Amino acid sequence: MGHDLLASVGARLSAELATPLDVVALCFALTAAALVVVSSFVKTMIPLRWLAVGGSFGFLIYGVLHPSPVMVLLHGALLPINLVRALEMARLTRRVSQAAAQGDLSGVWLKPYMISSRFEPGHVLFRAGDTADFLYFLAEGQIEFVEIGEVLEPGSLFGEIAFFAPDKRRSMTARCVGACTVLHIDETTFKQLYYQNPAFGFEVVSLVAGRLMADVRRLRRPATPDA
């Protein structure tokens, strides 16, 4: 019985590998399967995405060489999705790394992941004591921090200190001086970006630390005597 089974499997395998093209197709399928197995041990998203790209590519080639319309349709759809997501996360990490290296605290690199809103003059984005649910980026207009009378210009990230603070409470009130376009990202989305790519979170921490150090240096700067 066992001998007959082995003989049957051998005969089927010989039939499957009748041509060199069949051998190539099988090699692609085995490589793709190996990548899928390896991906189950990967804990971070970028390597997982690239392994998924390799697996989909391998199975797609197998489906083309060893005709299987279902395999071609499935992995033909998965391949571009995984490729785009892998490139997006790699691009985000690169942008944040460059911003940290250059001391760029604007937060422009977060814009593709933020939601844009338009506000009328006098609109209060948040008040002192509010829970910090969002991280903001000012695209157009001016924002005034009421308690200190400081006005923020376009191209600035703000609200990040309370966003990462243990109590998550705003220390100042932010009000639109004129009509403003403000982008925001919530904590859930930010955490998703972090969990997908821990390097992104590390670089963001570096940027926030840079902002805090800049504030400390500004506070320590001696006042200019009146003329």
N, C-alpha and C. Protein backbone atom coordinates (compact mmCIF):
# COMPACT_ATOMS: atom_id res chain seq x y z
N MET A 1 0.83 -1.21 0.00
CA MET A 1 0.00 0.00 0.00
C MET A 1 0.87 1.26 0.00
N GLY A 2 1.83 1.25 0.96
CA GLY A 2 2.72 2.40 1.04
C GLY A 2 3.55 2.53 -0.21
N HIS A 3 3.99 1.40 -0.75
CA HIS A 3 4.81 1.43 -1.97
C HIS A 3 3.99 1.98 -3.14
N ASP A 4 2.73 1.56 -3.22
CA ASP A 4 1.86 2.04 -4.29
C ASP A 4 1.63 3.55 -4.19
N LEU A 5 1.48 4.02 -2.94
CA LEU A 5 1.26 5.46 -2.73
C LEU A 5 2.47 6.26 -3.17
N LEU A 6 3.66 5.79 -2.79
CA LEU A 6 4.89 6.48 -3.18
C LEU A 6 5.05 6.47 -4.69
N ALA A 7 4.72 5.35 -5.29
CA ALA A 7 4.83 5.26 -6.74
C ALA A 7 3.87 6.22 -7.42
N SER A 8 2.66 6.35 -6.84
CA SER A 8 1.66 7.26 -7.40
C SER A 8 2.12 8.71 -7.29
N VAL A 9 2.67 9.05 -6.12
CA VAL A 9 3.16 10.41 -5.92
C VAL A 9 4.32 10.69 -6.86
N GLY A 10 5.22 9.70 -7.01
CA GLY A 10 6.36 9.88 -7.90
C GLY A 10 5.92 10.09 -9.33
N ALA A 11 4.93 9.30 -9.76
CA ALA A 11 4.43 9.43 -11.12
C ALA A 11 3.78 10.79 -11.34
N ARG A 12 3.03 11.23 -10.34
CA ARG A 12 2.37 12.55 -10.44
C ARG A 12 3.40 13.67 -10.49
N LEU A 13 4.46 13.54 -9.68
CA LEU A 13 5.50 14.57 -9.64
C LEU A 13 6.25 14.60 -10.97
N SER A 14 6.49 13.42 -11.55
CA SER A 14 7.18 13.36 -12.84
C SER A 14 6.34 14.03 -13.92
N ALA A 15 5.04 13.82 -13.83
CA ALA A 15 4.14 14.44 -14.81
C ALA A 15 4.12 15.96 -14.65
N GLU A 16 4.18 16.40 -13.38
CA GLU A 16 4.16 17.85 -13.11
C GLU A 16 5.44 18.52 -13.58
N LEU A 17 6.55 17.78 -13.56
CA LEU A 17 7.85 18.34 -13.93
C LEU A 17 8.30 17.83 -15.29
N ALA A 18 7.35 17.76 -16.20
CA ALA A 18 7.64 17.18 -17.52
C ALA A 18 8.56 18.05 -18.36
N THR A 19 8.56 19.37 -18.11
CA THR A 19 9.38 20.29 -18.91
C THR A 19 10.22 21.17 -17.98
N PRO A 20 11.31 21.76 -18.54
CA PRO A 20 12.12 22.69 -17.72
C PRO A 20 11.30 23.85 -17.17
N LEU A 21 10.27 24.28 -17.92
CA LEU A 21 9.41 25.37 -17.44
C LEU A 21 8.66 24.97 -16.18
N ASP A 22 8.26 23.72 -16.12
CA ASP A 22 7.57 23.21 -14.92
C ASP A 22 8.51 23.24 -13.72
N VAL A 23 9.78 22.91 -13.96
CA VAL A 23 10.77 22.93 -12.87
C VAL A 23 10.97 24.35 -12.36
N VAL A 24 11.06 25.30 -13.29
CA VAL A 24 11.21 26.71 -12.90
C VAL A 24 10.00 27.17 -12.10
N ALA A 25 8.80 26.81 -12.56
CA ALA A 25 7.57 27.19 -11.86
C ALA A 25 7.56 26.64 -10.44
N LEU A 26 7.96 25.38 -10.29
CA LEU A 26 7.98 24.77 -8.97
C LEU A 26 9.00 25.47 -8.06
N CYS A 27 10.15 25.86 -8.60
CA CYS A 27 11.16 26.57 -7.80
C CYS A 27 10.61 27.90 -7.28
N PHE A 28 9.88 28.62 -8.14
CA PHE A 28 9.27 29.88 -7.72
C PHE A 28 8.25 29.64 -6.61
N ALA A 29 7.45 28.58 -6.77
CA ALA A 29 6.42 28.27 -5.77
C ALA A 29 7.05 27.90 -4.44
N LEU A 30 8.12 27.08 -4.47
CA LEU A 30 8.79 26.69 -3.23
C LEU A 30 9.44 27.89 -2.54
N THR A 31 10.05 28.77 -3.34
CA THR A 31 10.66 29.98 -2.77
C THR A 31 9.60 30.87 -2.13
N ALA A 32 8.49 31.05 -2.83
CA ALA A 32 7.39 31.86 -2.28
C ALA A 32 6.85 31.27 -0.99
N ALA A 33 6.71 29.96 -0.96
CA ALA A 33 6.22 29.30 0.25
C ALA A 33 7.19 29.48 1.40
N ALA A 34 8.49 29.42 1.11
CA ALA A 34 9.51 29.64 2.14
C ALA A 34 9.43 31.06 2.70
N LEU A 35 9.19 32.05 1.82
CA LEU A 35 9.06 33.43 2.28
C LEU A 35 7.84 33.61 3.17
N VAL A 36 6.76 32.95 2.83
CA VAL A 36 5.54 33.02 3.66
C VAL A 36 5.81 32.44 5.04
N VAL A 37 6.54 31.32 5.09
CA VAL A 37 6.87 30.70 6.38
C VAL A 37 7.75 31.64 7.20
N VAL A 38 8.77 32.24 6.57
CA VAL A 38 9.67 33.16 7.27
C VAL A 38 8.90 34.37 7.79
N SER A 39 7.93 34.86 7.01
CA SER A 39 7.17 36.05 7.42
C SER A 39 6.39 35.83 8.71
N SER A 40 6.07 34.58 9.03
CA SER A 40 5.33 34.31 10.26
C SER A 40 6.19 34.53 11.50
N PHE A 41 7.51 34.64 11.33
CA PHE A 41 8.41 34.88 12.46
C PHE A 41 8.85 36.33 12.57
N VAL A 42 8.44 37.16 11.61
CA VAL A 42 8.86 38.57 11.58
C VAL A 42 7.90 39.40 12.42
N LYS A 43 8.47 40.33 13.24
CA LYS A 43 7.64 41.10 14.17
C LYS A 43 7.38 42.53 13.69
N THR A 44 8.17 43.05 12.77
CA THR A 44 7.99 44.43 12.32
C THR A 44 7.42 44.45 10.90
N MET A 45 6.72 45.55 10.57
CA MET A 45 5.89 45.57 9.38
C MET A 45 6.67 45.67 8.08
N ILE A 46 7.72 46.48 8.02
CA ILE A 46 8.42 46.67 6.74
C ILE A 46 9.02 45.37 6.23
N PRO A 47 9.79 44.61 7.05
CA PRO A 47 10.27 43.31 6.55
C PRO A 47 9.13 42.37 6.17
N LEU A 48 8.03 42.43 6.94
CA LEU A 48 6.88 41.58 6.63
C LEU A 48 6.29 41.92 5.27
N ARG A 49 6.20 43.23 4.97
CA ARG A 49 5.67 43.66 3.67
C ARG A 49 6.57 43.18 2.54
N TRP A 50 7.89 43.31 2.71
CA TRP A 50 8.80 42.90 1.64
C TRP A 50 8.76 41.39 1.44
N LEU A 51 8.62 40.64 2.52
CA LEU A 51 8.47 39.18 2.39
C LEU A 51 7.17 38.85 1.66
N ALA A 52 6.11 39.60 1.97
CA ALA A 52 4.84 39.40 1.28
C ALA A 52 4.96 39.71 -0.21
N VAL A 53 5.74 40.76 -0.54
CA VAL A 53 5.99 41.10 -1.95
C VAL A 53 6.69 39.94 -2.64
N GLY A 54 7.73 39.40 -2.00
CA GLY A 54 8.45 38.27 -2.59
C GLY A 54 7.57 37.04 -2.74
N GLY A 55 6.75 36.76 -1.72
CA GLY A 55 5.86 35.61 -1.79
C GLY A 55 4.83 35.75 -2.90
N SER A 56 4.22 36.92 -3.01
CA SER A 56 3.22 37.15 -4.06
C SER A 56 3.84 37.06 -5.45
N PHE A 57 5.06 37.60 -5.56
CA PHE A 57 5.74 37.54 -6.86
C PHE A 57 6.02 36.09 -7.26
N GLY A 58 6.51 35.30 -6.29
CA GLY A 58 6.80 33.91 -6.58
C GLY A 58 5.57 33.12 -6.99
N PHE A 59 4.48 33.30 -6.24
CA PHE A 59 3.25 32.57 -6.58
C PHE A 59 2.64 33.07 -7.89
N LEU A 60 2.82 34.37 -8.18
CA LEU A 60 2.31 34.91 -9.45
C LEU A 60 3.04 34.27 -10.63
N ILE A 61 4.38 34.18 -10.53
CA ILE A 61 5.15 33.54 -11.60
C ILE A 61 4.75 32.07 -11.75
N TYR A 62 4.56 31.41 -10.61
CA TYR A 62 4.12 30.01 -10.66
C TYR A 62 2.78 29.89 -11.38
N GLY A 63 1.85 30.79 -11.06
CA GLY A 63 0.52 30.74 -11.68
C GLY A 63 0.57 31.00 -13.17
N VAL A 64 1.56 31.80 -13.61
CA VAL A 64 1.69 32.07 -15.04
C VAL A 64 2.34 30.90 -15.77
N LEU A 65 3.43 30.36 -15.19
CA LEU A 65 4.17 29.28 -15.85
C LEU A 65 3.45 27.94 -15.78
N HIS A 66 2.75 27.74 -14.67
CA HIS A 66 2.01 26.49 -14.48
C HIS A 66 0.54 26.90 -14.40
N PRO A 67 -0.06 27.18 -15.55
CA PRO A 67 -1.31 27.96 -15.62
C PRO A 67 -2.32 27.68 -14.50
N SER A 68 -2.58 28.77 -13.73
CA SER A 68 -3.59 28.72 -12.67
C SER A 68 -4.22 30.10 -12.58
N PRO A 69 -5.36 30.32 -13.23
CA PRO A 69 -6.00 31.65 -13.23
C PRO A 69 -6.28 32.18 -11.83
N VAL A 70 -6.69 31.31 -10.92
CA VAL A 70 -6.98 31.76 -9.55
C VAL A 70 -5.72 32.29 -8.89
N MET A 71 -4.60 31.58 -9.05
CA MET A 71 -3.33 32.02 -8.47
C MET A 71 -2.89 33.34 -9.06
N VAL A 72 -3.06 33.49 -10.37
CA VAL A 72 -2.66 34.74 -11.04
C VAL A 72 -3.51 35.91 -10.55
N LEU A 73 -4.83 35.71 -10.46
CA LEU A 73 -5.72 36.79 -10.02
C LEU A 73 -5.44 37.19 -8.58
N LEU A 74 -5.28 36.20 -7.69
CA LEU A 74 -5.07 36.48 -6.27
C LEU A 74 -3.77 37.24 -6.04
N HIS A 75 -2.68 36.69 -6.53
CA HIS A 75 -1.38 37.32 -6.25
C HIS A 75 -1.09 38.48 -7.18
N GLY A 76 -1.78 38.55 -8.31
CA GLY A 76 -1.69 39.74 -9.15
C GLY A 76 -2.31 40.94 -8.46
N ALA A 77 -3.30 40.70 -7.59
CA ALA A 77 -3.91 41.78 -6.80
C ALA A 77 -3.10 42.09 -5.55
N LEU A 78 -2.57 41.06 -4.89
CA LEU A 78 -1.83 41.27 -3.64
C LEU A 78 -0.47 41.91 -3.86
N LEU A 79 0.19 41.60 -4.97
CA LEU A 79 1.55 42.10 -5.21
C LEU A 79 1.62 43.63 -5.21
N PRO A 80 0.81 44.34 -6.00
CA PRO A 80 0.91 45.82 -5.98
C PRO A 80 0.51 46.42 -4.64
N ILE A 81 -0.45 45.80 -3.94
CA ILE A 81 -0.88 46.33 -2.64
C ILE A 81 0.27 46.27 -1.64
N ASN A 82 0.90 45.11 -1.54
CA ASN A 82 2.02 44.95 -0.61
C ASN A 82 3.21 45.82 -1.01
N LEU A 83 3.44 45.96 -2.31
CA LEU A 83 4.57 46.77 -2.79
C LEU A 83 4.36 48.24 -2.43
N VAL A 84 3.15 48.75 -2.68
CA VAL A 84 2.85 50.15 -2.38
C VAL A 84 2.97 50.41 -0.88
N ARG A 85 2.44 49.53 -0.04
CA ARG A 85 2.51 49.71 1.41
C ARG A 85 3.94 49.66 1.91
N ALA A 86 4.74 48.76 1.37
CA ALA A 86 6.15 48.68 1.78
C ALA A 86 6.89 49.95 1.41
N LEU A 87 6.65 50.46 0.21
CA LEU A 87 7.32 51.69 -0.23
C LEU A 87 6.86 52.90 0.59
N GLU A 88 5.57 52.94 0.93
CA GLU A 88 5.06 54.04 1.75
C GLU A 88 5.74 54.10 3.11
N MET A 89 5.84 52.95 3.78
CA MET A 89 6.44 52.91 5.10
C MET A 89 7.94 53.21 5.03
N ALA A 90 8.62 52.72 4.01
CA ALA A 90 10.04 53.01 3.86
C ALA A 90 10.25 54.50 3.59
N ARG A 91 9.36 55.09 2.78
CA ARG A 91 9.47 56.52 2.47
C ARG A 91 9.22 57.37 3.71
N LEU A 92 8.23 56.98 4.51
CA LEU A 92 7.94 57.74 5.73
C LEU A 92 9.13 57.71 6.68
N THR A 93 9.72 56.55 6.88
CA THR A 93 10.88 56.44 7.77
C THR A 93 12.02 57.30 7.26
N ARG A 94 12.25 57.28 5.95
CA ARG A 94 13.33 58.08 5.37
C ARG A 94 13.08 59.58 5.59
N ARG A 95 11.84 60.01 5.40
CA ARG A 95 11.51 61.43 5.57
C ARG A 95 11.71 61.88 7.03
N VAL A 96 11.26 61.04 7.96
CA VAL A 96 11.40 61.38 9.37
C VAL A 96 12.87 61.39 9.76
N SER A 97 13.66 60.45 9.25
CA SER A 97 15.09 60.41 9.56
C SER A 97 15.79 61.66 9.04
N GLN A 98 15.42 62.08 7.84
CA GLN A 98 16.01 63.29 7.27
C GLN A 98 15.62 64.52 8.09
N ALA A 99 14.36 64.56 8.51
CA ALA A 99 13.90 65.70 9.32
C ALA A 99 14.65 65.76 10.64
N ALA A 100 14.85 64.60 11.27
CA ALA A 100 15.57 64.56 12.54
C ALA A 100 17.02 64.98 12.36
N ALA A 101 17.65 64.53 11.27
CA ALA A 101 19.06 64.87 11.02
C ALA A 101 19.23 66.35 10.74
N GLN A 102 18.24 66.95 10.08
CA GLN A 102 18.32 68.36 9.71
C GLN A 102 17.70 69.29 10.75
N GLY A 103 17.14 68.71 11.80
CA GLY A 103 16.49 69.53 12.82
C GLY A 103 15.21 70.17 12.33
N ASP A 104 14.57 69.57 11.33
CA ASP A 104 13.33 70.09 10.77
C ASP A 104 12.16 69.66 11.65
N LEU A 105 11.58 70.60 12.37
CA LEU A 105 10.50 70.30 13.30
C LEU A 105 9.11 70.59 12.72
N SER A 106 9.05 70.81 11.41
CA SER A 106 7.78 71.24 10.81
C SER A 106 6.73 70.13 10.78
N GLY A 107 7.16 68.89 10.64
CA GLY A 107 6.19 67.80 10.57
C GLY A 107 5.57 67.61 9.21
N VAL A 108 6.18 68.17 8.15
CA VAL A 108 5.64 68.03 6.80
C VAL A 108 5.53 66.56 6.41
N TRP A 109 6.44 65.74 6.89
CA TRP A 109 6.47 64.32 6.55
C TRP A 109 5.21 63.57 7.01
N LEU A 110 4.44 64.17 7.94
CA LEU A 110 3.23 63.52 8.43
C LEU A 110 1.99 63.86 7.60
N LYS A 111 2.09 64.85 6.73
CA LYS A 111 0.92 65.35 6.01
C LYS A 111 0.13 64.27 5.25
N PRO A 112 0.79 63.31 4.59
CA PRO A 112 0.00 62.30 3.87
C PRO A 112 -0.89 61.46 4.76
N TYR A 113 -0.63 61.45 6.06
CA TYR A 113 -1.39 60.61 6.99
C TYR A 113 -2.36 61.45 7.85
N MET A 114 -2.49 62.74 7.53
CA MET A 114 -3.31 63.63 8.33
C MET A 114 -4.58 64.02 7.58
N ILE A 115 -5.59 64.45 8.33
CA ILE A 115 -6.87 64.90 7.78
C ILE A 115 -6.92 66.43 7.84
N SER A 116 -7.33 67.04 6.74
CA SER A 116 -7.36 68.50 6.64
C SER A 116 -8.74 69.05 7.02
N SER A 117 -8.73 70.16 7.77
CA SER A 117 -9.98 70.84 8.15
C SER A 117 -9.80 72.35 7.99
N ARG A 118 -10.87 73.03 7.64
CA ARG A 118 -10.86 74.48 7.47
C ARG A 118 -11.64 75.12 8.62
N PHE A 119 -11.05 76.16 9.27
CA PHE A 119 -11.69 76.79 10.42
C PHE A 119 -11.82 78.30 10.20
N GLU A 120 -12.88 78.86 10.75
CA GLU A 120 -13.14 80.29 10.65
C GLU A 120 -12.33 81.07 11.69
N PRO A 121 -12.16 82.39 11.49
CA PRO A 121 -11.43 83.21 12.47
C PRO A 121 -12.06 83.09 13.87
N GLY A 122 -11.22 82.98 14.87
CA GLY A 122 -11.69 82.89 16.25
C GLY A 122 -12.00 81.49 16.73
N HIS A 123 -11.95 80.51 15.82
CA HIS A 123 -12.25 79.13 16.24
C HIS A 123 -11.16 78.64 17.20
N VAL A 124 -11.59 78.00 18.28
CA VAL A 124 -10.66 77.47 19.27
C VAL A 124 -10.45 75.98 18.99
N LEU A 125 -9.20 75.62 18.67
CA LEU A 125 -8.88 74.22 18.40
C LEU A 125 -8.88 73.40 19.68
N PHE A 126 -8.29 73.95 20.71
CA PHE A 126 -8.30 73.29 22.02
C PHE A 126 -8.03 74.34 23.09
N ARG A 127 -8.46 74.03 24.31
CA ARG A 127 -8.27 74.92 25.45
C ARG A 127 -7.34 74.28 26.47
N ALA A 128 -6.76 75.11 27.30
CA ALA A 128 -5.90 74.60 28.37
C ALA A 128 -6.70 73.65 29.26
N GLY A 129 -6.13 72.49 29.52
CA GLY A 129 -6.80 71.47 30.32
C GLY A 129 -7.52 70.41 29.52
N ASP A 130 -7.73 70.66 28.19
CA ASP A 130 -8.39 69.66 27.35
C ASP A 130 -7.48 68.43 27.17
N THR A 131 -8.11 67.31 26.87
CA THR A 131 -7.35 66.10 26.55
C THR A 131 -6.73 66.24 25.17
N ALA A 132 -5.47 65.85 25.04
CA ALA A 132 -4.74 65.97 23.77
C ALA A 132 -5.04 64.76 22.89
N ASP A 133 -6.10 64.86 22.10
CA ASP A 133 -6.50 63.75 21.24
C ASP A 133 -5.83 63.78 19.88
N PHE A 134 -5.33 64.95 19.46
CA PHE A 134 -4.79 65.09 18.12
C PHE A 134 -3.43 65.79 18.13
N LEU A 135 -2.66 65.48 17.11
CA LEU A 135 -1.42 66.19 16.80
C LEU A 135 -1.72 67.04 15.57
N TYR A 136 -1.30 68.32 15.55
CA TYR A 136 -1.73 69.25 14.51
C TYR A 136 -0.58 69.75 13.64
N PHE A 137 -0.96 70.15 12.41
CA PHE A 137 -0.03 70.80 11.49
C PHE A 137 -0.77 71.97 10.86
N LEU A 138 -0.19 73.18 10.94
CA LEU A 138 -0.81 74.38 10.40
C LEU A 138 -0.38 74.55 8.94
N ALA A 139 -1.34 74.38 8.02
CA ALA A 139 -1.04 74.50 6.59
C ALA A 139 -1.23 75.94 6.10
N GLU A 140 -2.29 76.62 6.56
CA GLU A 140 -2.58 77.99 6.14
C GLU A 140 -3.13 78.77 7.33
N GLY A 141 -2.82 80.09 7.36
CA GLY A 141 -3.33 80.95 8.41
C GLY A 141 -2.37 81.06 9.58
N GLN A 142 -2.89 81.53 10.70
CA GLN A 142 -2.10 81.71 11.91
C GLN A 142 -2.87 81.18 13.12
N ILE A 143 -2.13 80.60 14.05
CA ILE A 143 -2.69 80.10 15.29
C ILE A 143 -2.07 80.88 16.45
N GLU A 144 -2.93 81.39 17.34
CA GLU A 144 -2.43 82.11 18.52
C GLU A 144 -2.57 81.22 19.76
N PHE A 145 -1.48 81.17 20.54
CA PHE A 145 -1.53 80.53 21.84
C PHE A 145 -1.88 81.62 22.85
N VAL A 146 -3.12 81.60 23.29
CA VAL A 146 -3.72 82.74 24.00
C VAL A 146 -2.95 83.12 25.26
N GLU A 147 -2.56 82.15 26.05
CA GLU A 147 -1.95 82.45 27.36
C GLU A 147 -0.62 83.20 27.24
N ILE A 148 0.12 82.99 26.16
CA ILE A 148 1.43 83.65 26.04
C ILE A 148 1.47 84.64 24.89
N GLY A 149 0.38 84.73 24.12
CA GLY A 149 0.32 85.69 23.03
C GLY A 149 1.21 85.36 21.85
N GLU A 150 1.70 84.13 21.76
CA GLU A 150 2.57 83.73 20.65
C GLU A 150 1.72 83.30 19.47
N VAL A 151 2.16 83.70 18.26
CA VAL A 151 1.43 83.38 17.04
C VAL A 151 2.25 82.42 16.21
N LEU A 152 1.61 81.34 15.79
CA LEU A 152 2.27 80.31 15.00
C LEU A 152 2.01 80.55 13.52
N GLU A 153 3.06 80.42 12.70
CA GLU A 153 2.96 80.64 11.27
C GLU A 153 2.75 79.31 10.53
N PRO A 154 2.29 79.36 9.27
CA PRO A 154 2.06 78.12 8.49
C PRO A 154 3.33 77.27 8.37
N GLY A 155 3.14 75.97 8.23
CA GLY A 155 4.25 75.04 8.09
C GLY A 155 4.79 74.55 9.40
N SER A 156 3.97 74.64 10.46
CA SER A 156 4.45 74.27 11.79
C SER A 156 3.62 73.14 12.39
N LEU A 157 4.32 72.24 13.03
CA LEU A 157 3.68 71.18 13.82
C LEU A 157 3.42 71.74 15.21
N PHE A 158 2.26 71.45 15.79
CA PHE A 158 2.01 71.94 17.15
C PHE A 158 1.09 70.97 17.89
N GLY A 159 1.09 71.13 19.21
CA GLY A 159 0.29 70.26 20.06
C GLY A 159 0.95 68.94 20.35
N GLU A 160 2.25 68.81 19.98
CA GLU A 160 2.89 67.50 20.11
C GLU A 160 3.32 67.19 21.54
N ILE A 161 3.61 68.21 22.36
CA ILE A 161 4.11 67.94 23.71
C ILE A 161 3.02 67.31 24.57
N ALA A 162 1.82 67.91 24.56
CA ALA A 162 0.71 67.33 25.32
C ALA A 162 0.29 65.99 24.73
N PHE A 163 0.43 65.83 23.42
CA PHE A 163 0.05 64.59 22.74
C PHE A 163 0.84 63.40 23.29
N PHE A 164 2.11 63.67 23.69
CA PHE A 164 2.96 62.60 24.20
C PHE A 164 3.13 62.65 25.72
N ALA A 165 2.54 63.66 26.36
CA ALA A 165 2.69 63.81 27.81
C ALA A 165 1.92 62.71 28.55
N PRO A 166 2.39 62.32 29.75
CA PRO A 166 1.71 61.26 30.52
C PRO A 166 0.24 61.57 30.81
N ASP A 167 -0.06 62.84 31.18
CA ASP A 167 -1.45 63.17 31.51
C ASP A 167 -2.28 63.58 30.30
N LYS A 168 -1.60 63.81 29.14
CA LYS A 168 -2.25 64.17 27.89
C LYS A 168 -3.19 65.36 28.05
N ARG A 169 -2.73 66.36 28.77
CA ARG A 169 -3.53 67.57 28.98
C ARG A 169 -2.86 68.78 28.30
N ARG A 170 -3.69 69.60 27.63
CA ARG A 170 -3.17 70.81 26.99
C ARG A 170 -2.79 71.83 28.05
N SER A 171 -1.66 72.49 27.82
CA SER A 171 -1.19 73.51 28.76
C SER A 171 -1.60 74.91 28.30
N MET A 172 -2.03 75.07 27.03
CA MET A 172 -2.42 76.37 26.50
C MET A 172 -3.64 76.24 25.60
N THR A 173 -4.22 77.38 25.27
CA THR A 173 -5.36 77.45 24.37
C THR A 173 -4.89 77.88 22.99
N ALA A 174 -5.32 77.15 21.95
CA ALA A 174 -4.94 77.47 20.57
C ALA A 174 -6.16 78.00 19.82
N ARG A 175 -6.02 79.22 19.28
CA ARG A 175 -7.15 79.87 18.61
C ARG A 175 -6.72 80.37 17.23
N CYS A 176 -7.62 80.24 16.25
CA CYS A 176 -7.32 80.72 14.90
C CYS A 176 -7.38 82.24 14.86
N VAL A 177 -6.30 82.86 14.40
CA VAL A 177 -6.28 84.33 14.27
C VAL A 177 -7.17 84.75 13.10
N GLY A 178 -7.00 84.08 11.97
CA GLY A 178 -7.86 84.28 10.80
C GLY A 178 -8.38 82.93 10.35
N ALA A 179 -8.85 82.87 9.12
CA ALA A 179 -9.24 81.57 8.57
C ALA A 179 -8.01 80.67 8.48
N CYS A 180 -8.15 79.44 8.90
CA CYS A 180 -7.00 78.52 8.97
C CYS A 180 -7.33 77.18 8.33
N THR A 181 -6.31 76.60 7.74
CA THR A 181 -6.38 75.21 7.30
C THR A 181 -5.44 74.41 8.18
N VAL A 182 -6.00 73.48 8.93
CA VAL A 182 -5.23 72.72 9.92
C VAL A 182 -5.37 71.23 9.61
N LEU A 183 -4.25 70.53 9.63
CA LEU A 183 -4.26 69.08 9.46
C LEU A 183 -4.08 68.44 10.82
N HIS A 184 -4.70 67.28 11.03
CA HIS A 184 -4.56 66.61 12.32
C HIS A 184 -4.47 65.10 12.13
N ILE A 185 -3.85 64.46 13.09
CA ILE A 185 -3.75 63.01 13.11
C ILE A 185 -4.11 62.55 14.52
N ASP A 186 -4.92 61.51 14.62
CA ASP A 186 -5.34 61.06 15.95
C ASP A 186 -4.36 60.01 16.50
N GLU A 187 -4.55 59.69 17.76
CA GLU A 187 -3.62 58.78 18.44
C GLU A 187 -3.64 57.38 17.84
N THR A 188 -4.82 56.91 17.43
CA THR A 188 -4.93 55.57 16.87
C THR A 188 -4.12 55.44 15.58
N THR A 189 -4.28 56.42 14.68
CA THR A 189 -3.53 56.40 13.42
C THR A 189 -2.03 56.50 13.68
N PHE A 190 -1.66 57.38 14.61
CA PHE A 190 -0.23 57.54 14.92
C PHE A 190 0.34 56.23 15.46
N LYS A 191 -0.41 55.56 16.34
CA LYS A 191 0.07 54.29 16.89
C LYS A 191 0.20 53.23 15.81
N GLN A 192 -0.72 53.23 14.85
CA GLN A 192 -0.63 52.28 13.75
C GLN A 192 0.65 52.48 12.96
N LEU A 193 0.99 53.75 12.70
CA LEU A 193 2.24 54.05 12.00
C LEU A 193 3.43 53.56 12.82
N TYR A 194 3.35 53.76 14.13
CA TYR A 194 4.46 53.34 14.99
C TYR A 194 4.60 51.81 15.01
N TYR A 195 3.49 51.12 15.18
CA TYR A 195 3.58 49.66 15.26
C TYR A 195 3.98 49.04 13.93
N GLN A 196 3.59 49.67 12.82
CA GLN A 196 4.01 49.17 11.52
C GLN A 196 5.49 49.38 11.29
N ASN A 197 6.04 50.43 11.91
CA ASN A 197 7.45 50.74 11.69
C ASN A 197 8.03 51.41 12.93
N PRO A 198 8.59 50.64 13.87
CA PRO A 198 9.13 51.22 15.10
C PRO A 198 10.19 52.29 14.86
N ALA A 199 10.93 52.20 13.75
CA ALA A 199 11.94 53.22 13.46
C ALA A 199 11.30 54.60 13.31
N PHE A 200 10.08 54.63 12.77
CA PHE A 200 9.34 55.88 12.65
C PHE A 200 9.11 56.49 14.04
N GLY A 201 8.67 55.67 14.99
CA GLY A 201 8.42 56.17 16.35
C GLY A 201 9.69 56.69 17.00
N PHE A 202 10.81 56.00 16.78
CA PHE A 202 12.08 56.44 17.37
C PHE A 202 12.48 57.82 16.84
N GLU A 203 12.32 58.02 15.54
CA GLU A 203 12.69 59.30 14.95
C GLU A 203 11.75 60.42 15.42
N VAL A 204 10.47 60.09 15.59
CA VAL A 204 9.52 61.10 16.08
C VAL A 204 9.90 61.54 17.50
N VAL A 205 10.30 60.58 18.34
CA VAL A 205 10.75 60.91 19.69
C VAL A 205 11.95 61.86 19.62
N SER A 206 12.85 61.63 18.67
CA SER A 206 14.01 62.51 18.50
C SER A 206 13.57 63.92 18.12
N LEU A 207 12.56 64.01 17.26
CA LEU A 207 12.06 65.33 16.86
C LEU A 207 11.39 66.06 18.02
N VAL A 208 10.59 65.34 18.80
CA VAL A 208 9.94 65.97 19.95
C VAL A 208 10.97 66.43 20.96
N ALA A 209 12.00 65.61 21.19
CA ALA A 209 13.08 66.01 22.10
C ALA A 209 13.78 67.27 21.57
N GLY A 210 13.95 67.34 20.25
CA GLY A 210 14.56 68.54 19.66
C GLY A 210 13.71 69.77 19.88
N ARG A 211 12.39 69.61 19.76
CA ARG A 211 11.49 70.75 20.01
C ARG A 211 11.57 71.20 21.46
N LEU A 212 11.60 70.25 22.39
CA LEU A 212 11.70 70.60 23.81
C LEU A 212 13.02 71.30 24.12
N MET A 213 14.11 70.83 23.53
CA MET A 213 15.41 71.47 23.76
C MET A 213 15.43 72.89 23.20
N ALA A 214 14.78 73.07 22.04
CA ALA A 214 14.70 74.42 21.46
C ALA A 214 13.91 75.35 22.38
N ASP A 215 12.84 74.84 22.98
CA ASP A 215 12.06 75.66 23.91
C ASP A 215 12.88 76.02 25.15
N VAL A 216 13.64 75.05 25.65
CA VAL A 216 14.47 75.30 26.82
C VAL A 216 15.51 76.36 26.51
N ARG A 217 16.17 76.27 25.35
CA ARG A 217 17.18 77.27 24.97
C ARG A 217 16.56 78.64 24.83
N ARG A 218 15.32 78.70 24.29
CA ARG A 218 14.67 80.00 24.13
C ARG A 218 14.35 80.61 25.48
N LEU A 219 13.92 79.80 26.44
CA LEU A 219 13.60 80.30 27.77
C LEU A 219 14.84 80.77 28.52
N ARG A 220 15.98 80.13 28.24
CA ARG A 220 17.22 80.50 28.92
C ARG A 220 17.92 81.68 28.30
N ARG A 221 17.48 82.05 27.10
CA ARG A 221 18.13 83.17 26.41
C ARG A 221 17.88 84.46 27.17
N PRO A 222 18.95 85.23 27.48
CA PRO A 222 18.77 86.47 28.23
C PRO A 222 17.95 87.48 27.47
N ALA A 223 17.10 88.17 28.19
CA ALA A 223 16.23 89.18 27.55
C ALA A 223 17.08 90.34 27.02
N THR A 224 16.67 90.90 25.87
CA THR A 224 17.38 92.03 25.28
C THR A 224 16.99 93.30 26.04
N PRO A 225 17.98 94.05 26.57
CA PRO A 225 17.64 95.26 27.31
C PRO A 225 16.98 96.30 26.43
N ASP A 226 16.06 97.07 27.03
CA ASP A 226 15.38 98.12 26.29
C ASP A 226 16.36 99.19 25.86
N ALA A 227 16.14 99.73 24.67
CA ALA A 227 17.01 100.80 24.19
C ALA A 227 16.73 102.08 24.95
